[in-house]
All heavy atoms as atom14 arrays in JSON, in Angstrom:
{
  "sequence": "HQLLRLRQFAHGTTALIFLTALSGAFVAGLDAGLVYNSFPKMGER",
  "atom14_mask": [
    [1, 1, 1, 1, 1, 1, 1, 1, 1, 1, 0, 0, 0, 0],
    [1, 1, 1, 1, 1, 1, 1, 1, 1, 0, 0, 0, 0, 0],
    [1, 1, 1, 1, 1, 1, 1, 1, 0, 0, 0, 0, 0, 0],
    [1, 1, 1, 1, 1, 1, 1, 1, 0, 0, 0, 0, 0, 0],
    [1, 1, 1, 1, 1, 1, 1, 1, 1, 1, 1, 0, 0, 0],
    [1, 1, 1, 1, 1, 1, 1, 1, 0, 0, 0, 0, 0, 0],
    [1, 1, 1, 1, 1, 1, 1, 1, 1, 1, 1, 0, 0, 0],
    [1, 1, 1, 1, 1, 1, 1, 1, 1, 0, 0, 0, 0, 0],
    [1, 1, 1, 1, 1, 1, 1, 1, 1, 1, 1, 0, 0, 0],
    [1, 1, 1, 1, 1, 0, 0, 0, 0, 0, 0, 0, 0, 0],
    [1, 1, 1, 1, 1, 1, 1, 1, 1, 1, 0, 0, 0, 0],
    [1, 1, 1, 1, 0, 0, 0, 0, 0, 0, 0, 0, 0, 0],
    [1, 1, 1, 1, 1, 1, 1, 0, 0, 0, 0, 0, 0, 0],
    [1, 1, 1, 1, 1, 1, 1, 0, 0, 0, 0, 0, 0, 0],
    [1, 1, 1, 1, 1, 0, 0, 0, 0, 0, 0, 0, 0, 0],
    [1, 1, 1, 1, 1, 1, 1, 1, 0, 0, 0, 0, 0, 0],
    [1, 1, 1, 1, 1, 1, 1, 1, 0, 0, 0, 0, 0, 0],
    [1, 1, 1, 1, 1, 1, 1, 1, 1, 1, 1, 0, 0, 0],
    [1, 1, 1, 1, 1, 1, 1, 1, 0, 0, 0, 0, 0, 0],
    [1, 1, 1, 1, 1, 1, 1, 0, 0, 0, 0, 0, 0, 0],
    [1, 1, 1, 1, 1, 0, 0, 0, 0, 0, 0, 0, 0, 0],
    [1, 1, 1, 1, 1, 1, 1, 1, 0, 0, 0, 0, 0, 0],
    [1, 1, 1, 1, 1, 1, 0, 0, 0, 0, 0, 0, 0, 0],
    [1, 1, 1, 1, 0, 0, 0, 0, 0, 0, 0, 0, 0, 0],
    [1, 1, 1, 1, 1, 0, 0, 0, 0, 0, 0, 0, 0, 0],
    [1, 1, 1, 1, 1, 1, 1, 1, 1, 1, 1, 0, 0, 0],
    [1, 1, 1, 1, 1, 1, 1, 0, 0, 0, 0, 0, 0, 0],
    [1, 1, 1, 1, 1, 0, 0, 0, 0, 0, 0, 0, 0, 0],
    [1, 1, 1, 1, 0, 0, 0, 0, 0, 0, 0, 0, 0, 0],
    [1, 1, 1, 1, 1, 1, 1, 1, 0, 0, 0, 0, 0, 0],
    [1, 1, 1, 1, 1, 1, 1, 1, 0, 0, 0, 0, 0, 0],
    [1, 1, 1, 1, 1, 0, 0, 0, 0, 0, 0, 0, 0, 0],
    [1, 1, 1, 1, 0, 0, 0, 0, 0, 0, 0, 0, 0, 0],
    [1, 1, 1, 1, 1, 1, 1, 1, 0, 0, 0, 0, 0, 0],
    [1, 1, 1, 1, 1, 1, 1, 0, 0, 0, 0, 0, 0, 0],
    [1, 1, 1, 1, 1, 1, 1, 1, 1, 1, 1, 1, 0, 0],
    [1, 1, 1, 1, 1, 1, 1, 1, 0, 0, 0, 0, 0, 0],
    [1, 1, 1, 1, 1, 1, 0, 0, 0, 0, 0, 0, 0, 0],
    [1, 1, 1, 1, 1, 1, 1, 1, 1, 1, 1, 0, 0, 0],
    [1, 1, 1, 1, 1, 1, 1, 0, 0, 0, 0, 0, 0, 0],
    [1, 1, 1, 1, 1, 1, 1, 1, 1, 0, 0, 0, 0, 0],
    [1, 1, 1, 1, 1, 1, 1, 1, 0, 0, 0, 0, 0, 0],
    [1, 1, 1, 1, 0, 0, 0, 0, 0, 0, 0, 0, 0, 0],
    [1, 1, 1, 1, 1, 1, 1, 1, 1, 0, 0, 0, 0, 0],
    [1, 1, 1, 1, 1, 1, 1, 1, 1, 1, 1, 0, 0, 0]
  ],
  "atom14_positions": [
    [[0.84, -1.18, 0.03], [0.01, 0.01, 0.01], [0.87, 1.25, 0.03], [0.56, 2.21, -0.73], [-0.91, 0.0, 1.22], [-1.82, 1.23, 1.36], [-2.77, 1.53, 0.38], [-1.72, 2.25, 2.26], [-3.33, 2.68, 0.81], [-2.78, 3.1, 1.89], [0.0, 0.0, 0.0], [0.0, 0.0, 0.0], [0.0, 0.0, 0.0], [0.0, 0.0, 0.0]],
    [[1.97, 1.27, 0.78], [2.84, 2.4, 0.84], [3.54, 2.65, -0.48], [3.72, 3.81, -0.94], [3.89, 2.17, 1.95], [3.43, 2.46, 3.33], [4.57, 2.42, 4.37], [5.38, 1.52, 4.31], [4.56, 3.36, 5.26], [0.0, 0.0, 0.0], [0.0, 0.0, 0.0], [0.0, 0.0, 0.0], [0.0, 0.0, 0.0], [0.0, 0.0, 0.0]],
    [[3.94, 1.56, -1.16], [4.62, 1.69, -2.42], [3.66, 2.29, -3.51], [4.03, 3.14, -4.3], [5.18, 0.34, -2.92], [6.13, 0.41, -4.03], [7.45, 1.15, -3.57], [6.58, -1.04, -4.42], [0.0, 0.0, 0.0], [0.0, 0.0, 0.0], [0.0, 0.0, 0.0], [0.0, 0.0, 0.0], [0.0, 0.0, 0.0], [0.0, 0.0, 0.0]],
    [[2.42, 1.83, -3.46], [1.42, 2.37, -4.37], [1.15, 3.83, -4.14], [1.07, 4.65, -5.09], [0.1, 1.56, -4.21], [-1.06, 2.02, -5.03], [-0.74, 1.85, -6.48], [-2.34, 1.26, -4.68], [0.0, 0.0, 0.0], [0.0, 0.0, 0.0], [0.0, 0.0, 0.0], [0.0, 0.0, 0.0], [0.0, 0.0, 0.0], [0.0, 0.0, 0.0]],
    [[1.11, 4.24, -2.85], [0.94, 5.71, -2.52], [2.15, 6.45, -3.0], [1.99, 7.59, -3.48], [0.71, 5.81, -0.99], [-0.67, 5.41, -0.53], [-0.81, 5.75, 0.97], [-0.68, 7.15, 1.21], [-0.5, 7.64, 2.43], [-0.43, 6.85, 3.48], [-0.42, 8.97, 2.63], [0.0, 0.0, 0.0], [0.0, 0.0, 0.0], [0.0, 0.0, 0.0]],
    [[3.36, 5.92, -2.83], [4.55, 6.64, -3.27], [4.52, 6.84, -4.81], [4.87, 7.92, -5.28], [5.75, 5.8, -2.89], [7.13, 6.41, -3.26], [7.37, 7.76, -2.5], [8.29, 5.47, -3.1], [0.0, 0.0, 0.0], [0.0, 0.0, 0.0], [0.0, 0.0, 0.0], [0.0, 0.0, 0.0], [0.0, 0.0, 0.0], [0.0, 0.0, 0.0]],
    [[4.09, 5.82, -5.51], [4.03, 5.96, -6.99], [2.97, 7.02, -7.4], [3.21, 7.85, -8.3], [3.66, 4.61, -7.61], [3.62, 4.63, -9.14], [3.3, 3.29, -9.72], [4.35, 2.31, -9.54], [4.26, 1.21, -8.72], [3.09, 0.94, -8.12], [5.23, 0.34, -8.63], [0.0, 0.0, 0.0], [0.0, 0.0, 0.0], [0.0, 0.0, 0.0]],
    [[1.82, 7.03, -6.71], [0.87, 8.03, -7.04], [1.34, 9.4, -6.67], [1.08, 10.42, -7.4], [-0.44, 7.71, -6.24], [-1.2, 6.47, -6.71], [-2.3, 6.03, -5.79], [-2.38, 6.46, -4.62], [-3.28, 5.25, -6.27], [0.0, 0.0, 0.0], [0.0, 0.0, 0.0], [0.0, 0.0, 0.0], [0.0, 0.0, 0.0], [0.0, 0.0, 0.0]],
    [[2.01, 9.56, -5.56], [2.56, 10.82, -5.12], [3.62, 11.32, -6.13], [3.66, 12.49, -6.42], [3.23, 10.62, -3.71], [3.49, 11.9, -2.96], [3.85, 11.81, -1.64], [3.25, 13.11, -3.53], [4.09, 12.97, -0.9], [3.45, 14.3, -2.75], [3.93, 14.22, -1.48], [0.0, 0.0, 0.0], [0.0, 0.0, 0.0], [0.0, 0.0, 0.0]],
    [[4.46, 10.4, -6.63], [5.43, 10.74, -7.6], [4.79, 11.28, -8.88], [5.25, 12.19, -9.49], [6.35, 9.6, -7.87], [0.0, 0.0, 0.0], [0.0, 0.0, 0.0], [0.0, 0.0, 0.0], [0.0, 0.0, 0.0], [0.0, 0.0, 0.0], [0.0, 0.0, 0.0], [0.0, 0.0, 0.0], [0.0, 0.0, 0.0], [0.0, 0.0, 0.0]],
    [[3.74, 10.61, -9.36], [3.02, 10.98, -10.53], [2.41, 12.35, -10.37], [2.45, 13.25, -11.28], [1.99, 9.95, -10.94], [2.57, 8.69, -11.44], [1.85, 7.52, -11.58], [3.83, 8.34, -11.9], [2.6, 6.55, -12.0], [3.8, 7.07, -12.21], [0.0, 0.0, 0.0], [0.0, 0.0, 0.0], [0.0, 0.0, 0.0], [0.0, 0.0, 0.0]],
    [[1.8, 12.58, -9.18], [1.21, 13.9, -8.92], [2.17, 15.04, -8.86], [2.0, 16.12, -9.38], [0.0, 0.0, 0.0], [0.0, 0.0, 0.0], [0.0, 0.0, 0.0], [0.0, 0.0, 0.0], [0.0, 0.0, 0.0], [0.0, 0.0, 0.0], [0.0, 0.0, 0.0], [0.0, 0.0, 0.0], [0.0, 0.0, 0.0], [0.0, 0.0, 0.0]],
    [[3.41, 14.7, -8.3], [4.51, 15.7, -8.21], [4.98, 16.0, -9.63], [5.36, 17.17, -10.0], [5.66, 15.18, -7.33], [5.11, 14.87, -6.04], [6.77, 16.21, -7.24], [0.0, 0.0, 0.0], [0.0, 0.0, 0.0], [0.0, 0.0, 0.0], [0.0, 0.0, 0.0], [0.0, 0.0, 0.0], [0.0, 0.0, 0.0], [0.0, 0.0, 0.0]],
    [[5.11, 14.98, -10.45], [5.51, 15.18, -11.79], [4.61, 16.17, -12.58], [5.05, 17.03, -13.26], [5.61, 13.85, -12.59], [6.46, 12.94, -11.95], [6.02, 14.05, -14.05], [0.0, 0.0, 0.0], [0.0, 0.0, 0.0], [0.0, 0.0, 0.0], [0.0, 0.0, 0.0], [0.0, 0.0, 0.0], [0.0, 0.0, 0.0], [0.0, 0.0, 0.0]],
    [[3.34, 15.89, -12.42], [2.33, 16.78, -13.09], [2.47, 18.24, -12.56], [2.31, 19.2, -13.33], [0.9, 16.28, -12.8], [0.0, 0.0, 0.0], [0.0, 0.0, 0.0], [0.0, 0.0, 0.0], [0.0, 0.0, 0.0], [0.0, 0.0, 0.0], [0.0, 0.0, 0.0], [0.0, 0.0, 0.0], [0.0, 0.0, 0.0], [0.0, 0.0, 0.0]],
    [[2.69, 18.39, -11.26], [2.83, 19.76, -10.69], [4.02, 20.48, -11.2], [4.04, 21.64, -11.53], [2.85, 19.61, -9.18], [2.9, 20.95, -8.38], [1.68, 21.8, -8.7], [2.94, 20.66, -6.84], [0.0, 0.0, 0.0], [0.0, 0.0, 0.0], [0.0, 0.0, 0.0], [0.0, 0.0, 0.0], [0.0, 0.0, 0.0], [0.0, 0.0, 0.0]],
    [[5.17, 19.72, -11.28], [6.42, 20.28, -11.86], [6.21, 20.68, -13.34], [6.7, 21.76, -13.75], [7.59, 19.28, -11.73], [7.88, 19.13, -10.21], [8.8, 19.72, -12.47], [8.86, 17.97, -10.0], [0.0, 0.0, 0.0], [0.0, 0.0, 0.0], [0.0, 0.0, 0.0], [0.0, 0.0, 0.0], [0.0, 0.0, 0.0], [0.0, 0.0, 0.0]],
    [[5.53, 19.87, -14.11], [5.27, 20.17, -15.48], [4.4, 21.44, -15.61], [4.71, 22.29, -16.43], [4.53, 18.96, -16.12], [4.19, 19.17, -17.56], [5.2, 19.03, -18.61], [2.85, 19.43, -18.01], [4.91, 19.21, -19.9], [2.58, 19.6, -19.33], [3.63, 19.5, -20.27], [0.0, 0.0, 0.0], [0.0, 0.0, 0.0], [0.0, 0.0, 0.0]],
    [[3.41, 21.54, -14.78], [2.57, 22.73, -14.77], [3.31, 23.98, -14.46], [3.2, 25.1, -14.98], [1.31, 22.53, -13.78], [0.28, 23.64, -13.78], [-0.43, 23.71, -15.15], [-0.81, 23.28, -12.78], [0.0, 0.0, 0.0], [0.0, 0.0, 0.0], [0.0, 0.0, 0.0], [0.0, 0.0, 0.0], [0.0, 0.0, 0.0], [0.0, 0.0, 0.0]],
    [[4.23, 23.91, -13.43], [5.08, 24.96, -13.0], [5.99, 25.39, -14.17], [6.12, 26.64, -14.42], [5.95, 24.54, -11.83], [5.13, 24.13, -10.73], [6.81, 25.75, -11.29], [0.0, 0.0, 0.0], [0.0, 0.0, 0.0], [0.0, 0.0, 0.0], [0.0, 0.0, 0.0], [0.0, 0.0, 0.0], [0.0, 0.0, 0.0], [0.0, 0.0, 0.0]],
    [[6.53, 24.46, -14.91], [7.39, 24.85, -16.03], [6.61, 25.53, -17.09], [7.08, 26.56, -17.7], [8.06, 23.52, -16.59], [0.0, 0.0, 0.0], [0.0, 0.0, 0.0], [0.0, 0.0, 0.0], [0.0, 0.0, 0.0], [0.0, 0.0, 0.0], [0.0, 0.0, 0.0], [0.0, 0.0, 0.0], [0.0, 0.0, 0.0], [0.0, 0.0, 0.0]],
    [[5.4, 25.09, -17.39], [4.55, 25.78, -18.41], [4.16, 27.13, -17.92], [4.22, 28.1, -18.74], [3.26, 24.89, -18.6], [3.33, 23.62, -19.41], [1.93, 23.16, -19.76], [4.15, 23.82, -20.66], [0.0, 0.0, 0.0], [0.0, 0.0, 0.0], [0.0, 0.0, 0.0], [0.0, 0.0, 0.0], [0.0, 0.0, 0.0], [0.0, 0.0, 0.0]],
    [[3.94, 27.29, -16.6], [3.64, 28.73, -16.14], [4.86, 29.6, -16.35], [4.74, 30.78, -16.56], [3.29, 28.67, -14.63], [4.32, 28.43, -13.86], [0.0, 0.0, 0.0], [0.0, 0.0, 0.0], [0.0, 0.0, 0.0], [0.0, 0.0, 0.0], [0.0, 0.0, 0.0], [0.0, 0.0, 0.0], [0.0, 0.0, 0.0], [0.0, 0.0, 0.0]],
    [[6.11, 29.02, -16.28], [7.32, 29.8, -16.54], [7.41, 30.28, -17.99], [7.94, 31.37, -18.24], [0.0, 0.0, 0.0], [0.0, 0.0, 0.0], [0.0, 0.0, 0.0], [0.0, 0.0, 0.0], [0.0, 0.0, 0.0], [0.0, 0.0, 0.0], [0.0, 0.0, 0.0], [0.0, 0.0, 0.0], [0.0, 0.0, 0.0], [0.0, 0.0, 0.0]],
    [[6.78, 29.49, -18.92], [6.76, 29.95, -20.3], [5.86, 31.15, -20.43], [6.19, 32.08, -21.25], [6.25, 28.84, -21.19], [0.0, 0.0, 0.0], [0.0, 0.0, 0.0], [0.0, 0.0, 0.0], [0.0, 0.0, 0.0], [0.0, 0.0, 0.0], [0.0, 0.0, 0.0], [0.0, 0.0, 0.0], [0.0, 0.0, 0.0], [0.0, 0.0, 0.0]],
    [[4.82, 31.25, -19.68], [3.91, 32.43, -19.74], [4.64, 33.66, -19.09], [4.49, 34.78, -19.57], [2.65, 32.16, -18.99], [1.66, 31.36, -19.84], [1.6, 29.93, -19.75], [0.76, 31.98, -20.68], [0.73, 29.2, -20.49], [-0.16, 31.19, -21.46], [-0.16, 29.84, -21.32], [0.0, 0.0, 0.0], [0.0, 0.0, 0.0], [0.0, 0.0, 0.0]],
    [[5.45, 33.37, -18.06], [6.22, 34.48, -17.48], [7.18, 35.03, -18.51], [7.3, 36.21, -18.67], [7.02, 34.02, -16.22], [7.95, 35.07, -15.76], [6.05, 33.58, -15.13], [0.0, 0.0, 0.0], [0.0, 0.0, 0.0], [0.0, 0.0, 0.0], [0.0, 0.0, 0.0], [0.0, 0.0, 0.0], [0.0, 0.0, 0.0], [0.0, 0.0, 0.0]],
    [[7.87, 34.12, -19.25], [8.9, 34.58, -20.22], [8.16, 35.31, -21.42], [8.64, 36.32, -21.85], [9.66, 33.38, -20.75], [0.0, 0.0, 0.0], [0.0, 0.0, 0.0], [0.0, 0.0, 0.0], [0.0, 0.0, 0.0], [0.0, 0.0, 0.0], [0.0, 0.0, 0.0], [0.0, 0.0, 0.0], [0.0, 0.0, 0.0], [0.0, 0.0, 0.0]],
    [[7.04, 34.76, -21.86], [6.36, 35.29, -23.0], [5.77, 36.71, -22.8], [5.67, 37.47, -23.67], [0.0, 0.0, 0.0], [0.0, 0.0, 0.0], [0.0, 0.0, 0.0], [0.0, 0.0, 0.0], [0.0, 0.0, 0.0], [0.0, 0.0, 0.0], [0.0, 0.0, 0.0], [0.0, 0.0, 0.0], [0.0, 0.0, 0.0], [0.0, 0.0, 0.0]],
    [[5.39, 36.96, -21.54], [4.83, 38.32, -21.19], [5.83, 39.2, -20.47], [5.42, 40.32, -20.09], [3.62, 38.04, -20.22], [2.41, 37.38, -20.85], [1.32, 37.1, -19.79], [1.74, 38.33, -21.85], [0.0, 0.0, 0.0], [0.0, 0.0, 0.0], [0.0, 0.0, 0.0], [0.0, 0.0, 0.0], [0.0, 0.0, 0.0], [0.0, 0.0, 0.0]],
    [[7.05, 38.78, -20.37], [8.08, 39.55, -19.61], [7.57, 39.8, -18.17], [7.8, 40.87, -17.65], [8.42, 40.89, -20.34], [9.33, 40.66, -21.49], [10.1, 39.63, -21.48], [9.36, 41.44, -22.44], [0.0, 0.0, 0.0], [0.0, 0.0, 0.0], [0.0, 0.0, 0.0], [0.0, 0.0, 0.0], [0.0, 0.0, 0.0], [0.0, 0.0, 0.0]],
    [[6.81, 38.88, -17.66], [6.18, 39.04, -16.31], [7.19, 39.06, -15.17], [6.93, 39.61, -14.07], [5.16, 37.91, -16.11], [0.0, 0.0, 0.0], [0.0, 0.0, 0.0], [0.0, 0.0, 0.0], [0.0, 0.0, 0.0], [0.0, 0.0, 0.0], [0.0, 0.0, 0.0], [0.0, 0.0, 0.0], [0.0, 0.0, 0.0], [0.0, 0.0, 0.0]],
    [[8.42, 38.61, -15.44], [9.47, 38.64, -14.39], [9.9, 40.01, -14.15], [10.54, 40.27, -13.08], [0.0, 0.0, 0.0], [0.0, 0.0, 0.0], [0.0, 0.0, 0.0], [0.0, 0.0, 0.0], [0.0, 0.0, 0.0], [0.0, 0.0, 0.0], [0.0, 0.0, 0.0], [0.0, 0.0, 0.0], [0.0, 0.0, 0.0], [0.0, 0.0, 0.0]],
    [[9.57, 40.99, -15.0], [10.0, 42.4, -14.8], [9.01, 43.17, -13.95], [9.28, 44.32, -13.57], [10.16, 43.05, -16.15], [11.13, 42.39, -17.15], [11.13, 43.15, -18.48], [12.53, 42.35, -16.55], [0.0, 0.0, 0.0], [0.0, 0.0, 0.0], [0.0, 0.0, 0.0], [0.0, 0.0, 0.0], [0.0, 0.0, 0.0], [0.0, 0.0, 0.0]],
    [[7.87, 42.61, -13.64], [6.81, 43.32, -12.97], [7.18, 43.58, -11.51], [7.12, 44.65, -10.94], [5.44, 42.65, -13.11], [4.34, 43.46, -12.38], [5.11, 42.48, -14.56], [0.0, 0.0, 0.0], [0.0, 0.0, 0.0], [0.0, 0.0, 0.0], [0.0, 0.0, 0.0], [0.0, 0.0, 0.0], [0.0, 0.0, 0.0], [0.0, 0.0, 0.0]],
    [[7.58, 42.5, -10.79], [7.95, 42.53, -9.36], [9.29, 41.8, -9.24], [9.44, 40.69, -9.79], [6.9, 41.86, -8.5], [5.57, 42.62, -8.41], [4.5, 42.26, -9.19], [5.43, 43.74, -7.6], [3.28, 42.98, -9.15], [4.23, 44.43, -7.47], [3.17, 44.0, -8.26], [2.0, 44.74, -8.21], [0.0, 0.0, 0.0], [0.0, 0.0, 0.0]],
    [[10.18, 42.38, -8.47], [11.52, 41.76, -8.27], [11.77, 41.54, -6.76], [12.96, 41.36, -6.38], [12.62, 42.53, -8.88], [12.78, 43.9, -8.29], [11.99, 44.3, -7.4], [13.81, 44.62, -8.74], [0.0, 0.0, 0.0], [0.0, 0.0, 0.0], [0.0, 0.0, 0.0], [0.0, 0.0, 0.0], [0.0, 0.0, 0.0], [0.0, 0.0, 0.0]],
    [[10.77, 41.49, -5.99], [10.88, 41.27, -4.45], [10.25, 39.92, -4.14], [9.27, 39.52, -4.8], [10.26, 42.39, -3.71], [8.89, 42.58, -4.07], [0.0, 0.0, 0.0], [0.0, 0.0, 0.0], [0.0, 0.0, 0.0], [0.0, 0.0, 0.0], [0.0, 0.0, 0.0], [0.0, 0.0, 0.0], [0.0, 0.0, 0.0], [0.0, 0.0, 0.0]],
    [[10.71, 39.32, -3.05], [10.17, 37.98, -2.66], [10.39, 37.88, -1.1], [11.44, 38.32, -0.61], [10.96, 36.89, -3.35], [10.38, 35.52, -3.08], [9.37, 35.01, -3.84], [10.93, 34.69, -2.04], [8.82, 33.75, -3.59], [10.39, 33.5, -1.73], [9.3, 32.98, -2.58], [0.0, 0.0, 0.0], [0.0, 0.0, 0.0], [0.0, 0.0, 0.0]],
    [[9.53, 37.33, -0.4], [8.24, 36.69, -0.81], [7.07, 37.61, -1.14], [6.15, 37.16, -1.86], [7.84, 35.84, 0.33], [8.4, 36.58, 1.57], [9.67, 37.21, 1.09], [0.0, 0.0, 0.0], [0.0, 0.0, 0.0], [0.0, 0.0, 0.0], [0.0, 0.0, 0.0], [0.0, 0.0, 0.0], [0.0, 0.0, 0.0], [0.0, 0.0, 0.0]],
    [[7.17, 38.86, -0.75], [6.09, 39.83, -1.11], [6.24, 40.29, -2.55], [7.37, 40.26, -3.07], [6.07, 40.99, -0.16], [5.59, 40.73, 1.26], [5.51, 42.0, 2.08], [4.96, 41.8, 3.45], [4.83, 43.04, 4.26], [0.0, 0.0, 0.0], [0.0, 0.0, 0.0], [0.0, 0.0, 0.0], [0.0, 0.0, 0.0], [0.0, 0.0, 0.0]],
    [[5.16, 40.77, -3.09], [5.24, 41.42, -4.43], [5.1, 42.86, -4.19], [3.98, 43.36, -4.01], [4.18, 40.78, -5.37], [4.37, 39.23, -5.62], [3.12, 38.53, -6.6], [3.56, 39.07, -8.24], [0.0, 0.0, 0.0], [0.0, 0.0, 0.0], [0.0, 0.0, 0.0], [0.0, 0.0, 0.0], [0.0, 0.0, 0.0], [0.0, 0.0, 0.0]],
    [[6.17, 43.57, -4.21], [6.15, 44.96, -3.83], [5.95, 45.03, -2.28], [6.77, 44.42, -1.55], [0.0, 0.0, 0.0], [0.0, 0.0, 0.0], [0.0, 0.0, 0.0], [0.0, 0.0, 0.0], [0.0, 0.0, 0.0], [0.0, 0.0, 0.0], [0.0, 0.0, 0.0], [0.0, 0.0, 0.0], [0.0, 0.0, 0.0], [0.0, 0.0, 0.0]],
    [[4.95, 45.74, -1.88], [4.67, 45.85, -0.41], [3.52, 44.96, -0.01], [3.13, 45.06, 1.15], [4.32, 47.36, -0.11], [5.47, 48.32, -0.36], [6.67, 48.05, 0.44], [6.47, 47.68, 1.66], [7.78, 48.17, -0.07], [0.0, 0.0, 0.0], [0.0, 0.0, 0.0], [0.0, 0.0, 0.0], [0.0, 0.0, 0.0], [0.0, 0.0, 0.0]],
    [[3.05, 44.17, -0.91], [1.86, 43.37, -0.6], [2.08, 41.88, -0.83], [2.89, 41.45, -1.65], [0.67, 43.8, -1.48], [0.34, 45.29, -1.25], [-0.78, 45.7, -2.24], [-2.08, 45.05, -1.92], [-2.95, 45.5, -1.06], [-2.73, 46.67, -0.48], [-4.06, 44.85, -0.81], [0.0, 0.0, 0.0], [0.0, 0.0, 0.0], [0.0, 0.0, 0.0]]
  ]
}
């Protein structure tokens, strides 16, 4: 049961990483990285 859960967890993590990478393409395409350069807050909020 634990091995099955680990496999499911790994597949879900893979999908999340893939989605994160795709969101990075939108950041690049819109030059969205230039909007805010502070972390963890975005500006003062």
